[in-house]
């Protein structure tokens, strides 16, 4: 209940002031610390930093998916959890499906 109350507090839990972005793998990898932790689940990227203190498994478990696609890790433990509803206020955006190019070369 504490997380639900906090998530509905109106605070910016994404750090992006409500705008959604397309996240490249490189961008996702940069957000891999306790103070700045993003993860991807099924193509959606979430800033789970605000959730650290609320996660029942603790910080250590969330950090296992820091800066990476955490879908497999999530499914191993939480397949039944409605993460989309629980983390909707933390949604940063979608993973980029565009190939990376070197300045059009």
N, C-alpha and C. Protein backbone atom coordinates (compact mmCIF):
# COMPACT_ATOMS: atom_id res chain seq x y z
N UNK A 1 0.81 -1.20 0.00
CA UNK A 1 0.00 0.00 0.00
C UNK A 1 0.85 1.26 0.00
N UNK A 2 2.00 1.21 0.66
CA UNK A 2 2.86 2.39 0.69
C UNK A 2 3.30 2.78 -0.72
N UNK A 3 3.66 1.77 -1.54
CA UNK A 3 4.09 2.06 -2.91
C UNK A 3 2.95 2.68 -3.71
N UNK A 4 1.76 2.15 -3.58
CA UNK A 4 0.62 2.68 -4.32
C UNK A 4 0.39 4.15 -3.95
N UNK A 5 0.42 4.44 -2.67
CA UNK A 5 0.25 5.81 -2.20
C UNK A 5 1.35 6.72 -2.76
N UNK A 6 2.59 6.24 -2.70
CA UNK A 6 3.72 7.02 -3.20
C UNK A 6 3.62 7.24 -4.71
N UNK A 7 3.27 6.18 -5.44
CA UNK A 7 3.16 6.28 -6.90
C UNK A 7 2.07 7.26 -7.33
N UNK A 8 1.04 7.40 -6.53
CA UNK A 8 -0.06 8.30 -6.85
C UNK A 8 0.12 9.69 -6.23
N UNK A 9 1.29 9.96 -5.70
CA UNK A 9 1.53 11.24 -5.02
C UNK A 9 1.67 12.43 -5.96
N UNK A 10 1.82 12.17 -7.26
CA UNK A 10 2.00 13.25 -8.21
C UNK A 10 3.45 13.60 -8.45
N UNK A 11 4.37 12.94 -7.76
CA UNK A 11 5.79 13.18 -7.97
C UNK A 11 6.21 12.62 -9.32
N UNK A 12 7.23 13.24 -9.93
CA UNK A 12 7.76 12.77 -11.20
C UNK A 12 8.66 11.56 -10.93
N UNK A 13 8.14 10.37 -11.13
CA UNK A 13 8.90 9.15 -10.84
C UNK A 13 9.76 8.70 -12.01
N UNK A 14 9.61 9.36 -13.15
CA UNK A 14 10.43 8.99 -14.31
C UNK A 14 11.71 9.81 -14.37
N UNK A 15 11.64 11.02 -13.85
CA UNK A 15 12.77 11.94 -13.99
C UNK A 15 12.74 12.66 -15.33
N UNK A 16 11.67 12.47 -16.10
CA UNK A 16 11.56 13.06 -17.44
C UNK A 16 10.40 14.03 -17.57
N UNK A 17 9.82 14.40 -16.45
CA UNK A 17 8.71 15.36 -16.41
C UNK A 17 7.54 14.95 -17.30
N UNK A 18 7.23 13.66 -17.29
CA UNK A 18 6.04 13.18 -17.98
C UNK A 18 6.17 12.85 -19.45
N UNK A 19 7.31 13.12 -20.04
CA UNK A 19 7.44 12.79 -21.46
C UNK A 19 8.03 11.39 -21.62
N UNK A 20 7.57 10.69 -22.63
CA UNK A 20 8.09 9.36 -22.92
C UNK A 20 9.17 9.46 -23.99
N UNK A 21 10.18 8.63 -23.88
CA UNK A 21 11.28 8.66 -24.84
C UNK A 21 11.50 7.27 -25.42
N UNK A 22 12.21 7.23 -26.53
CA UNK A 22 12.67 5.98 -27.10
C UNK A 22 14.07 5.73 -26.54
N UNK A 23 14.26 4.59 -25.93
CA UNK A 23 15.51 4.30 -25.22
C UNK A 23 16.36 3.33 -26.02
N UNK A 24 17.58 3.73 -26.28
CA UNK A 24 18.53 2.84 -26.96
C UNK A 24 19.17 1.91 -25.93
N UNK A 25 19.71 0.80 -26.37
CA UNK A 25 20.43 -0.07 -25.43
C UNK A 25 21.56 0.66 -24.71
N UNK A 26 22.22 1.56 -25.40
CA UNK A 26 23.31 2.32 -24.79
C UNK A 26 22.80 3.23 -23.68
N UNK A 27 21.65 3.86 -23.92
CA UNK A 27 21.05 4.73 -22.90
C UNK A 27 20.63 3.90 -21.69
N UNK A 28 20.00 2.76 -21.94
CA UNK A 28 19.57 1.90 -20.84
C UNK A 28 20.76 1.49 -19.98
N UNK A 29 21.86 1.13 -20.59
CA UNK A 29 23.05 0.68 -19.87
C UNK A 29 23.62 1.76 -18.95
N UNK A 30 23.41 3.02 -19.29
CA UNK A 30 23.95 4.11 -18.48
C UNK A 30 23.20 4.28 -17.14
N UNK A 31 22.02 3.71 -17.03
CA UNK A 31 21.20 3.87 -15.84
C UNK A 31 21.27 2.58 -15.01
N UNK A 32 22.41 2.37 -14.38
CA UNK A 32 22.66 1.09 -13.72
C UNK A 32 23.17 1.22 -12.29
N UNK A 33 22.80 2.30 -11.62
CA UNK A 33 23.24 2.50 -10.24
C UNK A 33 22.03 2.59 -9.31
N UNK A 34 22.28 2.48 -8.04
CA UNK A 34 21.21 2.58 -7.03
C UNK A 34 20.48 3.91 -7.12
N UNK A 35 21.20 4.96 -7.45
CA UNK A 35 20.64 6.30 -7.52
C UNK A 35 19.99 6.61 -8.87
N UNK A 36 20.21 5.76 -9.86
CA UNK A 36 19.70 5.98 -11.21
C UNK A 36 19.56 4.62 -11.89
N UNK A 37 18.42 3.98 -11.67
CA UNK A 37 18.25 2.59 -12.10
C UNK A 37 17.05 2.43 -13.03
N UNK A 38 17.34 2.10 -14.28
CA UNK A 38 16.31 1.79 -15.26
C UNK A 38 16.41 0.32 -15.60
N UNK A 39 15.28 -0.27 -15.96
CA UNK A 39 15.27 -1.63 -16.47
C UNK A 39 14.20 -1.73 -17.54
N UNK A 40 14.32 -2.75 -18.37
CA UNK A 40 13.37 -2.99 -19.44
C UNK A 40 12.63 -4.29 -19.15
N UNK A 41 11.32 -4.25 -19.30
CA UNK A 41 10.50 -5.46 -19.20
C UNK A 41 9.57 -5.48 -20.41
N UNK A 42 9.74 -6.50 -21.23
CA UNK A 42 8.94 -6.69 -22.44
C UNK A 42 8.90 -5.44 -23.32
N UNK A 43 10.06 -4.84 -23.51
CA UNK A 43 10.17 -3.70 -24.42
C UNK A 43 9.83 -2.35 -23.83
N UNK A 44 9.37 -2.32 -22.58
CA UNK A 44 9.07 -1.06 -21.92
C UNK A 44 10.14 -0.77 -20.87
N UNK A 45 10.59 0.47 -20.82
CA UNK A 45 11.66 0.86 -19.90
C UNK A 45 11.07 1.63 -18.73
N UNK A 46 11.49 1.24 -17.54
CA UNK A 46 11.01 1.84 -16.30
C UNK A 46 12.17 2.37 -15.48
N UNK A 47 11.96 3.53 -14.86
CA UNK A 47 12.89 4.05 -13.88
C UNK A 47 12.47 3.44 -12.54
N UNK A 48 13.17 2.41 -12.11
CA UNK A 48 12.79 1.73 -10.87
C UNK A 48 13.49 2.31 -9.64
N UNK A 49 14.22 3.38 -9.82
CA UNK A 49 14.90 4.03 -8.70
C UNK A 49 13.93 4.35 -7.55
N UNK A 50 12.78 4.98 -7.84
CA UNK A 50 11.86 5.30 -6.74
C UNK A 50 11.28 4.06 -6.06
N UNK A 51 11.30 2.93 -6.74
CA UNK A 51 10.71 1.70 -6.21
C UNK A 51 11.68 0.92 -5.32
N UNK A 52 12.95 1.29 -5.32
CA UNK A 52 13.98 0.56 -4.57
C UNK A 52 13.58 0.30 -3.12
N UNK A 53 13.12 1.31 -2.44
CA UNK A 53 12.80 1.17 -1.02
C UNK A 53 11.49 0.43 -0.75
N UNK A 54 10.73 0.16 -1.80
CA UNK A 54 9.43 -0.49 -1.65
C UNK A 54 9.43 -1.95 -2.12
N UNK A 55 10.43 -2.34 -2.90
CA UNK A 55 10.47 -3.69 -3.47
C UNK A 55 10.59 -4.74 -2.37
N UNK A 56 9.66 -5.70 -2.32
CA UNK A 56 9.70 -6.71 -1.26
C UNK A 56 10.98 -7.53 -1.23
N UNK A 57 11.61 -7.73 -2.38
CA UNK A 57 12.85 -8.50 -2.45
C UNK A 57 14.08 -7.67 -2.16
N UNK A 58 13.89 -6.37 -1.99
CA UNK A 58 14.99 -5.49 -1.66
C UNK A 58 15.75 -4.95 -2.86
N UNK A 59 16.62 -4.05 -2.55
CA UNK A 59 17.44 -3.36 -3.55
C UNK A 59 18.29 -4.34 -4.36
N UNK A 60 18.86 -5.31 -3.70
CA UNK A 60 19.75 -6.26 -4.37
C UNK A 60 19.06 -6.95 -5.55
N UNK A 61 17.82 -7.33 -5.36
CA UNK A 61 17.09 -8.01 -6.43
C UNK A 61 16.84 -7.07 -7.61
N UNK A 62 16.43 -5.84 -7.35
CA UNK A 62 16.21 -4.89 -8.44
C UNK A 62 17.51 -4.57 -9.17
N UNK A 63 18.59 -4.50 -8.44
CA UNK A 63 19.88 -4.16 -9.06
C UNK A 63 20.37 -5.25 -10.03
N UNK A 64 19.86 -6.45 -9.90
CA UNK A 64 20.22 -7.52 -10.84
C UNK A 64 19.77 -7.17 -12.26
N UNK A 65 18.75 -6.34 -12.40
CA UNK A 65 18.23 -5.96 -13.71
C UNK A 65 18.58 -4.51 -14.08
N UNK A 66 19.47 -3.90 -13.34
CA UNK A 66 19.82 -2.50 -13.57
C UNK A 66 20.53 -2.31 -14.90
N UNK A 67 19.96 -1.45 -15.73
CA UNK A 67 20.59 -1.10 -16.99
C UNK A 67 20.50 -2.15 -18.08
N UNK A 68 19.65 -3.15 -17.89
CA UNK A 68 19.54 -4.22 -18.88
C UNK A 68 18.07 -4.59 -19.10
N UNK A 69 17.85 -5.48 -20.06
CA UNK A 69 16.53 -6.06 -20.24
C UNK A 69 16.35 -7.09 -19.14
N UNK A 70 15.47 -6.80 -18.20
CA UNK A 70 15.25 -7.66 -17.05
C UNK A 70 14.07 -8.61 -17.21
N UNK A 71 13.57 -8.77 -18.43
CA UNK A 71 12.38 -9.60 -18.65
C UNK A 71 12.56 -11.01 -18.13
N UNK A 72 13.64 -11.67 -18.47
CA UNK A 72 13.86 -13.05 -18.04
C UNK A 72 13.96 -13.15 -16.51
N UNK A 73 14.70 -12.23 -15.90
CA UNK A 73 14.81 -12.22 -14.44
C UNK A 73 13.45 -12.00 -13.79
N UNK A 74 12.70 -11.07 -14.33
CA UNK A 74 11.37 -10.77 -13.80
C UNK A 74 10.48 -12.01 -13.89
N UNK A 75 10.49 -12.66 -15.05
CA UNK A 75 9.62 -13.82 -15.25
C UNK A 75 10.00 -15.00 -14.37
N UNK A 76 11.26 -15.10 -13.99
CA UNK A 76 11.67 -16.19 -13.11
C UNK A 76 11.02 -16.10 -11.74
N UNK A 77 10.74 -14.88 -11.30
CA UNK A 77 10.23 -14.67 -9.94
C UNK A 77 8.82 -14.09 -9.90
N UNK A 78 8.50 -13.22 -10.85
CA UNK A 78 7.28 -12.41 -10.75
C UNK A 78 6.34 -12.51 -11.95
N UNK A 79 6.36 -13.60 -12.66
CA UNK A 79 5.54 -13.70 -13.88
C UNK A 79 4.09 -13.28 -13.65
N UNK A 80 3.55 -13.50 -12.48
CA UNK A 80 2.15 -13.22 -12.16
C UNK A 80 1.88 -11.76 -11.80
N UNK A 81 2.93 -10.97 -11.57
CA UNK A 81 2.76 -9.58 -11.12
C UNK A 81 2.35 -8.67 -12.28
N UNK A 82 1.38 -7.80 -12.04
CA UNK A 82 0.96 -6.83 -13.04
C UNK A 82 1.88 -5.60 -12.95
N UNK A 83 3.09 -5.75 -13.51
CA UNK A 83 4.09 -4.69 -13.43
C UNK A 83 3.66 -3.44 -14.18
N UNK A 84 2.90 -3.59 -15.27
CA UNK A 84 2.48 -2.42 -16.04
C UNK A 84 1.64 -1.47 -15.19
N UNK A 85 0.76 -2.02 -14.40
CA UNK A 85 -0.06 -1.19 -13.52
C UNK A 85 0.77 -0.66 -12.36
N UNK A 86 1.56 -1.52 -11.78
CA UNK A 86 2.34 -1.15 -10.59
C UNK A 86 3.41 -0.09 -10.90
N UNK A 87 4.00 -0.16 -12.09
CA UNK A 87 5.09 0.76 -12.43
C UNK A 87 4.71 1.82 -13.46
N UNK A 88 3.43 1.97 -13.73
CA UNK A 88 3.03 2.89 -14.81
C UNK A 88 3.54 4.32 -14.60
N UNK A 89 3.65 4.76 -13.36
CA UNK A 89 4.15 6.12 -13.10
C UNK A 89 5.66 6.22 -13.29
N UNK A 90 6.32 5.07 -13.46
CA UNK A 90 7.77 5.03 -13.63
C UNK A 90 8.17 4.78 -15.08
N UNK A 91 7.19 4.73 -15.99
CA UNK A 91 7.46 4.42 -17.39
C UNK A 91 8.27 5.53 -18.05
N UNK A 92 9.43 5.16 -18.55
CA UNK A 92 10.31 6.09 -19.25
C UNK A 92 9.99 6.10 -20.74
N UNK A 93 9.72 4.93 -21.29
CA UNK A 93 9.39 4.83 -22.72
C UNK A 93 9.61 3.42 -23.22
N UNK A 94 9.76 3.31 -24.53
CA UNK A 94 9.97 2.02 -25.18
C UNK A 94 11.42 1.87 -25.60
N UNK A 95 11.83 0.61 -25.65
CA UNK A 95 13.17 0.33 -26.19
C UNK A 95 13.15 0.64 -27.68
N UNK A 96 14.24 1.17 -28.16
CA UNK A 96 14.39 1.49 -29.57
C UNK A 96 14.48 0.19 -30.37
N UNK A 97 13.78 0.18 -31.48
CA UNK A 97 13.87 -0.96 -32.40
C UNK A 97 14.65 -0.57 -33.64
N UNK A 98 15.09 0.67 -33.68
CA UNK A 98 15.87 1.15 -34.83
C UNK A 98 17.30 0.67 -34.74
N UNK A 99 17.86 0.23 -35.86
CA UNK A 99 19.27 -0.16 -35.83
C UNK A 99 20.16 1.06 -35.60
N UNK A 100 21.24 0.87 -34.88
CA UNK A 100 22.22 1.93 -34.62
C UNK A 100 23.08 2.09 -35.88
N UNK A 101 23.26 3.35 -36.31
CA UNK A 101 24.12 3.61 -37.47
C UNK A 101 25.23 4.56 -37.07
N UNK A 102 26.29 4.55 -37.80
CA UNK A 102 27.41 5.48 -37.59
C UNK A 102 27.24 6.68 -38.50
N UNK A 103 26.48 7.66 -38.05
CA UNK A 103 26.27 8.90 -38.79
C UNK A 103 25.86 8.65 -40.23
N UNK A 104 24.99 7.66 -40.45
CA UNK A 104 24.47 7.39 -41.78
C UNK A 104 25.40 6.59 -42.67
N UNK A 105 26.50 6.15 -42.13
CA UNK A 105 27.47 5.39 -42.94
C UNK A 105 27.06 3.94 -42.99
